[in-house]
């Protein structure tokens, strides 16, 4: 079974960040507060599904679905 990513979450669904699958993107995400072990929640999606809005570390963070796909989560 493949690992799930933040891009797979549905609005309102919560998960715990486990790791990243893109080293360059992981540095950017770590600086934005997406730390392993942190809870992340899909807040909403744009009408066409991209970008998405996430709640993480006490604030809202918008990103592209392709960026969210690099954040692996625990089931």
N, C-alpha and C. Protein backbone atom coordinates (compact mmCIF):
# COMPACT_ATOMS: atom_id res chain seq x y z
N UNK A 1 0.84 -1.19 0.00
CA UNK A 1 0.00 0.00 0.00
C UNK A 1 0.88 1.24 0.00
N UNK A 2 0.57 2.17 -0.88
CA UNK A 2 1.39 3.39 -0.96
C UNK A 2 1.03 4.33 0.19
N UNK A 3 1.97 5.17 0.51
CA UNK A 3 1.75 6.13 1.60
C UNK A 3 0.82 7.23 1.13
N UNK A 4 0.01 7.73 2.05
CA UNK A 4 -0.89 8.84 1.75
C UNK A 4 -0.14 10.15 1.95
N UNK A 5 -0.59 11.16 1.21
CA UNK A 5 -0.01 12.48 1.34
C UNK A 5 -1.12 13.47 1.71
N UNK A 6 -0.72 14.67 2.05
CA UNK A 6 -1.68 15.72 2.39
C UNK A 6 -2.62 15.98 1.21
N UNK A 7 -2.15 15.82 0.00
CA UNK A 7 -2.99 16.04 -1.19
C UNK A 7 -4.17 15.06 -1.23
N UNK A 8 -4.10 13.95 -0.50
CA UNK A 8 -5.17 12.95 -0.48
C UNK A 8 -6.26 13.26 0.54
N UNK A 9 -6.04 14.24 1.42
CA UNK A 9 -7.02 14.56 2.46
C UNK A 9 -8.27 15.19 1.86
N UNK A 10 -9.39 14.96 2.53
CA UNK A 10 -10.65 15.60 2.16
C UNK A 10 -10.86 16.80 3.09
N UNK A 11 -11.63 17.80 2.68
CA UNK A 11 -11.88 18.95 3.56
C UNK A 11 -12.40 18.51 4.94
N UNK A 12 -11.78 19.04 5.99
CA UNK A 12 -12.12 18.70 7.36
C UNK A 12 -11.35 17.53 7.92
N UNK A 13 -10.66 16.77 7.09
CA UNK A 13 -9.91 15.59 7.54
C UNK A 13 -8.57 16.02 8.14
N UNK A 14 -8.20 15.36 9.25
CA UNK A 14 -6.94 15.65 9.94
C UNK A 14 -5.98 14.48 9.82
N UNK A 15 -4.69 14.79 9.93
CA UNK A 15 -3.66 13.75 9.89
C UNK A 15 -2.41 14.27 10.61
N UNK A 16 -1.46 13.40 10.81
CA UNK A 16 -0.18 13.74 11.43
C UNK A 16 0.90 13.65 10.35
N UNK A 17 1.72 14.70 10.26
CA UNK A 17 2.82 14.71 9.29
C UNK A 17 3.85 13.67 9.71
N UNK A 18 4.23 12.81 8.77
CA UNK A 18 5.21 11.77 9.06
C UNK A 18 6.57 12.12 8.48
N UNK A 19 6.62 12.45 7.19
CA UNK A 19 7.90 12.73 6.52
C UNK A 19 7.62 13.44 5.21
N UNK A 20 8.69 13.64 4.43
CA UNK A 20 8.59 14.30 3.14
C UNK A 20 9.25 13.42 2.08
N UNK A 21 8.80 13.54 0.83
CA UNK A 21 9.42 12.74 -0.23
C UNK A 21 10.17 13.60 -1.24
N UNK A 22 10.35 14.88 -0.95
CA UNK A 22 11.10 15.79 -1.82
C UNK A 22 12.02 16.64 -0.94
N UNK A 23 13.31 16.41 -1.06
CA UNK A 23 14.27 17.06 -0.15
C UNK A 23 14.25 18.58 -0.28
N UNK A 24 14.23 19.12 -1.49
CA UNK A 24 14.23 20.58 -1.66
C UNK A 24 12.94 21.19 -1.12
N UNK A 25 11.81 20.59 -1.42
CA UNK A 25 10.54 21.10 -0.94
C UNK A 25 10.44 20.97 0.58
N UNK A 26 11.05 19.93 1.15
CA UNK A 26 10.95 19.73 2.59
C UNK A 26 11.56 20.88 3.36
N UNK A 27 12.64 21.47 2.88
CA UNK A 27 13.24 22.62 3.56
C UNK A 27 12.26 23.79 3.61
N UNK A 28 11.61 24.06 2.50
CA UNK A 28 10.62 25.13 2.44
C UNK A 28 9.46 24.86 3.40
N UNK A 29 8.97 23.61 3.39
CA UNK A 29 7.84 23.25 4.24
C UNK A 29 8.19 23.29 5.73
N UNK A 30 9.40 22.87 6.08
CA UNK A 30 9.84 22.94 7.47
C UNK A 30 9.88 24.39 7.95
N UNK A 31 10.35 25.30 7.11
CA UNK A 31 10.39 26.71 7.47
C UNK A 31 8.99 27.29 7.66
N UNK A 32 7.98 26.69 7.00
CA UNK A 32 6.61 27.16 7.12
C UNK A 32 5.86 26.48 8.27
N UNK A 33 6.54 25.65 9.05
CA UNK A 33 5.92 25.03 10.22
C UNK A 33 5.36 23.64 10.00
N UNK A 34 5.59 23.05 8.85
CA UNK A 34 5.14 21.67 8.59
C UNK A 34 6.19 20.71 9.13
N UNK A 35 6.13 20.45 10.42
CA UNK A 35 7.12 19.62 11.09
C UNK A 35 6.59 18.20 11.28
N UNK A 36 7.45 17.19 11.16
CA UNK A 36 7.01 15.82 11.44
C UNK A 36 6.43 15.74 12.85
N UNK A 37 5.29 15.09 12.97
CA UNK A 37 4.60 14.98 14.25
C UNK A 37 3.52 16.03 14.45
N UNK A 38 3.50 17.06 13.61
CA UNK A 38 2.49 18.12 13.73
C UNK A 38 1.18 17.66 13.09
N UNK A 39 0.07 18.10 13.69
CA UNK A 39 -1.24 17.80 13.11
C UNK A 39 -1.51 18.77 11.97
N UNK A 40 -2.06 18.25 10.89
CA UNK A 40 -2.40 19.08 9.73
C UNK A 40 -3.84 18.75 9.34
N UNK A 41 -4.58 19.78 8.97
CA UNK A 41 -5.99 19.61 8.63
C UNK A 41 -6.27 20.30 7.30
N UNK A 42 -6.94 19.59 6.40
CA UNK A 42 -7.38 20.19 5.14
C UNK A 42 -8.56 21.10 5.45
N UNK A 43 -8.39 22.40 5.26
CA UNK A 43 -9.45 23.35 5.54
C UNK A 43 -10.41 23.43 4.35
N UNK A 44 -9.88 23.71 3.17
CA UNK A 44 -10.74 23.81 1.99
C UNK A 44 -9.89 23.72 0.73
N UNK A 45 -10.59 23.56 -0.40
CA UNK A 45 -9.94 23.53 -1.71
C UNK A 45 -10.53 24.62 -2.57
N UNK A 46 -9.76 25.13 -3.50
CA UNK A 46 -10.28 26.08 -4.49
C UNK A 46 -11.31 25.35 -5.36
N UNK A 47 -12.19 26.07 -6.04
CA UNK A 47 -13.24 25.42 -6.83
C UNK A 47 -12.74 24.36 -7.82
N UNK A 48 -11.58 24.55 -8.40
CA UNK A 48 -11.04 23.56 -9.33
C UNK A 48 -10.06 22.59 -8.66
N UNK A 49 -9.95 22.67 -7.32
CA UNK A 49 -9.12 21.73 -6.56
C UNK A 49 -7.69 22.16 -6.33
N UNK A 50 -7.29 23.30 -6.84
CA UNK A 50 -5.90 23.75 -6.68
C UNK A 50 -5.88 25.27 -6.69
N UNK A 51 -5.35 25.96 -5.71
CA UNK A 51 -4.61 25.47 -4.54
C UNK A 51 -5.53 24.97 -3.43
N UNK A 52 -4.90 24.52 -2.33
CA UNK A 52 -5.63 24.05 -1.17
C UNK A 52 -5.22 24.89 0.04
N UNK A 53 -6.07 24.92 1.04
CA UNK A 53 -5.79 25.65 2.28
C UNK A 53 -5.71 24.64 3.42
N UNK A 54 -4.63 24.70 4.18
CA UNK A 54 -4.39 23.77 5.28
C UNK A 54 -4.27 24.52 6.59
N UNK A 55 -4.65 23.88 7.68
CA UNK A 55 -4.40 24.41 9.02
C UNK A 55 -3.26 23.59 9.60
N UNK A 56 -2.17 24.26 9.95
CA UNK A 56 -1.01 23.58 10.54
C UNK A 56 -0.31 24.54 11.48
N UNK A 57 0.11 24.05 12.62
CA UNK A 57 0.85 24.85 13.61
C UNK A 57 0.12 26.15 13.98
N UNK A 58 -1.21 26.11 13.99
CA UNK A 58 -1.98 27.26 14.44
C UNK A 58 -2.26 28.33 13.41
N UNK A 59 -1.99 28.08 12.15
CA UNK A 59 -2.29 29.07 11.11
C UNK A 59 -2.71 28.40 9.82
N UNK A 60 -3.28 29.19 8.91
CA UNK A 60 -3.70 28.69 7.61
C UNK A 60 -2.55 28.83 6.61
N UNK A 61 -2.37 27.81 5.81
CA UNK A 61 -1.29 27.77 4.84
C UNK A 61 -1.88 27.32 3.50
N UNK A 62 -1.68 28.12 2.48
CA UNK A 62 -2.14 27.75 1.14
C UNK A 62 -0.97 27.24 0.32
N UNK A 63 -1.22 26.18 -0.45
CA UNK A 63 -0.17 25.63 -1.31
C UNK A 63 -0.80 24.87 -2.47
N UNK A 64 0.00 24.60 -3.46
CA UNK A 64 -0.44 23.81 -4.60
C UNK A 64 -0.58 22.35 -4.18
N UNK A 65 -1.45 21.63 -4.87
CA UNK A 65 -1.61 20.19 -4.58
C UNK A 65 -0.31 19.43 -4.82
N UNK A 66 0.47 19.86 -5.82
CA UNK A 66 1.74 19.18 -6.10
C UNK A 66 2.71 19.34 -4.93
N UNK A 67 2.67 20.48 -4.26
CA UNK A 67 3.51 20.68 -3.07
C UNK A 67 2.99 19.83 -1.91
N UNK A 68 1.68 19.79 -1.74
CA UNK A 68 1.07 19.00 -0.67
C UNK A 68 1.36 17.51 -0.85
N UNK A 69 1.52 17.07 -2.09
CA UNK A 69 1.80 15.65 -2.35
C UNK A 69 3.15 15.22 -1.83
N UNK A 70 4.03 16.17 -1.52
CA UNK A 70 5.36 15.82 -0.99
C UNK A 70 5.34 15.64 0.53
N UNK A 71 4.19 15.92 1.18
CA UNK A 71 4.07 15.76 2.64
C UNK A 71 3.38 14.43 2.90
N UNK A 72 4.13 13.47 3.43
CA UNK A 72 3.57 12.14 3.72
C UNK A 72 2.95 12.16 5.11
N UNK A 73 1.80 11.47 5.26
CA UNK A 73 1.08 11.50 6.52
C UNK A 73 0.89 10.09 7.06
N UNK A 74 0.60 10.01 8.38
CA UNK A 74 0.28 8.74 9.02
C UNK A 74 -1.20 8.47 8.82
N UNK A 75 -1.56 7.21 8.71
CA UNK A 75 -2.97 6.86 8.53
C UNK A 75 -3.71 6.93 9.83
